[in-house]
Amino acid sequence: QPTRAQEVYDVSGAGDTVIAAMGLCLAAGYTLPEAMHTANAAASIVVAKLGTAVCSFNELVHELAT
């Protein structure tokens, strides 16, 4: 997948988001590359928000569609 530049506001919780998303995706049967792509998308959402933030399902679906 190609990279995209993004404004980063706060990296708090980005690692936690990656670990949680990876675990969920792997438990759901995703391949490792699919899980990492999804986890990276989730982390990109939370770092674009101020403070410790969450990634909603709808935000993740939108991010993965772009």
N, C-alpha and C. Protein backbone atom coordinates (compact mmCIF):
# COMPACT_ATOMS: atom_id res chain seq x y z
N GLN A 1 0.84 -1.19 0.00
CA GLN A 1 0.00 0.00 0.00
C GLN A 1 0.87 1.24 0.00
N PRO A 2 0.50 2.24 -0.78
CA PRO A 2 1.26 3.49 -0.77
C PRO A 2 1.05 4.25 0.53
N THR A 3 2.01 5.08 0.87
CA THR A 3 1.88 5.90 2.08
C THR A 3 1.15 7.20 1.77
N ARG A 4 0.61 7.82 2.83
CA ARG A 4 -0.07 9.11 2.69
C ARG A 4 0.40 10.02 3.80
N ALA A 5 0.65 11.28 3.45
CA ALA A 5 1.01 12.27 4.45
C ALA A 5 -0.23 12.63 5.26
N GLN A 6 -0.01 12.93 6.55
CA GLN A 6 -1.14 13.24 7.42
C GLN A 6 -0.70 14.16 8.53
N GLU A 7 -1.60 15.04 8.95
CA GLU A 7 -1.33 15.88 10.12
C GLU A 7 -1.43 15.01 11.37
N VAL A 8 -0.42 15.10 12.22
CA VAL A 8 -0.42 14.34 13.47
C VAL A 8 -0.55 15.34 14.61
N TYR A 9 -1.55 15.12 15.47
CA TYR A 9 -1.79 16.03 16.58
C TYR A 9 -1.31 15.46 17.91
N ASP A 10 -1.47 14.18 18.10
CA ASP A 10 -1.10 13.58 19.38
C ASP A 10 -0.95 12.07 19.19
N VAL A 11 0.19 11.52 19.54
CA VAL A 11 0.41 10.09 19.34
C VAL A 11 0.01 9.25 20.56
N SER A 12 -0.57 9.89 21.58
CA SER A 12 -1.01 9.16 22.76
C SER A 12 -2.02 8.09 22.37
N GLY A 13 -1.74 6.86 22.75
CA GLY A 13 -2.67 5.77 22.50
C GLY A 13 -2.54 5.11 21.13
N ALA A 14 -1.64 5.60 20.29
CA ALA A 14 -1.50 5.01 18.95
C ALA A 14 -1.03 3.56 19.03
N GLY A 15 -0.08 3.29 19.90
CA GLY A 15 0.42 1.91 20.05
C GLY A 15 -0.65 0.99 20.60
N ASP A 16 -1.41 1.47 21.57
CA ASP A 16 -2.50 0.68 22.12
C ASP A 16 -3.54 0.36 21.05
N THR A 17 -3.81 1.35 20.20
CA THR A 17 -4.77 1.16 19.12
C THR A 17 -4.28 0.09 18.15
N VAL A 18 -3.00 0.14 17.81
CA VAL A 18 -2.43 -0.86 16.89
C VAL A 18 -2.53 -2.25 17.49
N ILE A 19 -2.15 -2.40 18.74
CA ILE A 19 -2.19 -3.72 19.38
C ILE A 19 -3.62 -4.25 19.46
N ALA A 20 -4.56 -3.39 19.85
CA ALA A 20 -5.96 -3.82 19.96
C ALA A 20 -6.52 -4.20 18.59
N ALA A 21 -6.25 -3.38 17.59
CA ALA A 21 -6.78 -3.66 16.26
C ALA A 21 -6.15 -4.92 15.67
N MET A 22 -4.85 -5.09 15.86
CA MET A 22 -4.17 -6.30 15.38
C MET A 22 -4.77 -7.55 16.03
N GLY A 23 -4.95 -7.49 17.35
CA GLY A 23 -5.52 -8.63 18.06
C GLY A 23 -6.92 -8.97 17.58
N LEU A 24 -7.74 -7.95 17.42
CA LEU A 24 -9.10 -8.17 16.95
C LEU A 24 -9.11 -8.75 15.54
N CYS A 25 -8.31 -8.18 14.66
CA CYS A 25 -8.27 -8.65 13.28
C CYS A 25 -7.76 -10.08 13.18
N LEU A 26 -6.70 -10.40 13.91
CA LEU A 26 -6.17 -11.76 13.87
C LEU A 26 -7.16 -12.76 14.46
N ALA A 27 -7.86 -12.36 15.52
CA ALA A 27 -8.88 -13.24 16.10
C ALA A 27 -10.04 -13.46 15.14
N ALA A 28 -10.28 -12.47 14.27
CA ALA A 28 -11.36 -12.57 13.30
C ALA A 28 -10.94 -13.32 12.04
N GLY A 29 -9.67 -13.73 11.97
CA GLY A 29 -9.22 -14.54 10.85
C GLY A 29 -8.52 -13.77 9.73
N TYR A 30 -8.20 -12.50 9.96
CA TYR A 30 -7.47 -11.73 8.94
C TYR A 30 -6.06 -12.31 8.80
N THR A 31 -5.49 -12.15 7.62
CA THR A 31 -4.08 -12.49 7.46
C THR A 31 -3.26 -11.42 8.17
N LEU A 32 -1.99 -11.69 8.41
CA LEU A 32 -1.13 -10.71 9.08
C LEU A 32 -1.05 -9.39 8.28
N PRO A 33 -0.85 -9.42 6.96
CA PRO A 33 -0.83 -8.15 6.23
C PRO A 33 -2.16 -7.40 6.28
N GLU A 34 -3.27 -8.11 6.23
CA GLU A 34 -4.58 -7.46 6.34
C GLU A 34 -4.76 -6.82 7.71
N ALA A 35 -4.36 -7.56 8.74
CA ALA A 35 -4.49 -7.05 10.11
C ALA A 35 -3.62 -5.82 10.31
N MET A 36 -2.40 -5.83 9.79
CA MET A 36 -1.51 -4.69 9.95
C MET A 36 -2.04 -3.48 9.20
N HIS A 37 -2.56 -3.69 8.01
CA HIS A 37 -3.14 -2.58 7.24
C HIS A 37 -4.30 -1.94 8.00
N THR A 38 -5.16 -2.77 8.56
CA THR A 38 -6.31 -2.28 9.31
C THR A 38 -5.87 -1.56 10.59
N ALA A 39 -4.90 -2.14 11.29
CA ALA A 39 -4.39 -1.53 12.52
C ALA A 39 -3.72 -0.19 12.23
N ASN A 40 -3.00 -0.11 11.14
CA ASN A 40 -2.35 1.14 10.76
C ASN A 40 -3.39 2.21 10.44
N ALA A 41 -4.47 1.81 9.77
CA ALA A 41 -5.55 2.75 9.46
C ALA A 41 -6.19 3.26 10.75
N ALA A 42 -6.42 2.37 11.71
CA ALA A 42 -7.01 2.77 12.99
C ALA A 42 -6.09 3.75 13.72
N ALA A 43 -4.80 3.46 13.73
CA ALA A 43 -3.85 4.36 14.40
C ALA A 43 -3.80 5.72 13.71
N SER A 44 -3.92 5.73 12.39
CA SER A 44 -3.88 7.01 11.68
C SER A 44 -5.06 7.90 12.06
N ILE A 45 -6.15 7.28 12.43
CA ILE A 45 -7.33 8.04 12.86
C ILE A 45 -7.09 8.66 14.23
N VAL A 46 -6.56 7.88 15.17
CA VAL A 46 -6.40 8.41 16.53
C VAL A 46 -5.31 9.46 16.64
N VAL A 47 -4.26 9.37 15.82
CA VAL A 47 -3.20 10.38 15.91
C VAL A 47 -3.63 11.71 15.30
N ALA A 48 -4.70 11.71 14.55
CA ALA A 48 -5.21 12.94 13.95
C ALA A 48 -6.14 13.69 14.90
N LYS A 49 -6.35 13.15 16.09
CA LYS A 49 -7.21 13.77 17.10
C LYS A 49 -6.36 14.27 18.26
N LEU A 50 -6.85 15.28 18.96
CA LEU A 50 -6.14 15.80 20.13
C LEU A 50 -6.38 14.90 21.33
N GLY A 51 -5.34 14.67 22.09
CA GLY A 51 -5.45 13.87 23.30
C GLY A 51 -5.61 12.39 23.00
N THR A 52 -5.83 11.63 24.05
CA THR A 52 -6.07 10.21 23.88
C THR A 52 -7.46 10.05 23.27
N ALA A 53 -7.55 9.36 22.15
CA ALA A 53 -8.81 9.29 21.41
C ALA A 53 -9.10 7.85 21.00
N VAL A 54 -10.28 7.65 20.50
CA VAL A 54 -10.70 6.33 20.02
C VAL A 54 -10.98 6.40 18.52
N CYS A 55 -11.00 5.24 17.92
CA CYS A 55 -11.34 5.09 16.50
C CYS A 55 -12.68 4.37 16.44
N SER A 56 -13.68 5.01 15.89
CA SER A 56 -14.99 4.35 15.78
C SER A 56 -15.01 3.42 14.57
N PHE A 57 -15.94 2.50 14.57
CA PHE A 57 -16.09 1.58 13.44
C PHE A 57 -16.33 2.35 12.15
N ASN A 58 -17.20 3.34 12.20
CA ASN A 58 -17.51 4.12 10.99
C ASN A 58 -16.28 4.87 10.48
N GLU A 59 -15.49 5.43 11.40
CA GLU A 59 -14.27 6.11 10.98
C GLU A 59 -13.31 5.14 10.30
N LEU A 60 -13.19 3.94 10.85
CA LEU A 60 -12.29 2.94 10.29
C LEU A 60 -12.76 2.50 8.91
N VAL A 61 -14.04 2.25 8.77
CA VAL A 61 -14.58 1.85 7.46
C VAL A 61 -14.31 2.95 6.43
N HIS A 62 -14.51 4.19 6.82
CA HIS A 62 -14.27 5.31 5.90
C HIS A 62 -12.79 5.40 5.53
N GLU A 63 -11.92 5.27 6.51
CA GLU A 63 -10.47 5.34 6.26
C GLU A 63 -10.02 4.22 5.35
N LEU A 64 -10.54 3.04 5.53
CA LEU A 64 -10.13 1.89 4.71
C LEU A 64 -10.69 2.01 3.27
N ALA A 65 -11.77 2.74 3.12
CA ALA A 65 -12.38 2.92 1.79
C ALA A 65 -11.64 3.94 0.94
N THR A 66 -10.84 4.80 1.58
CA THR A 66 -10.14 5.85 0.81
C THR A 66 -8.79 5.38 0.35
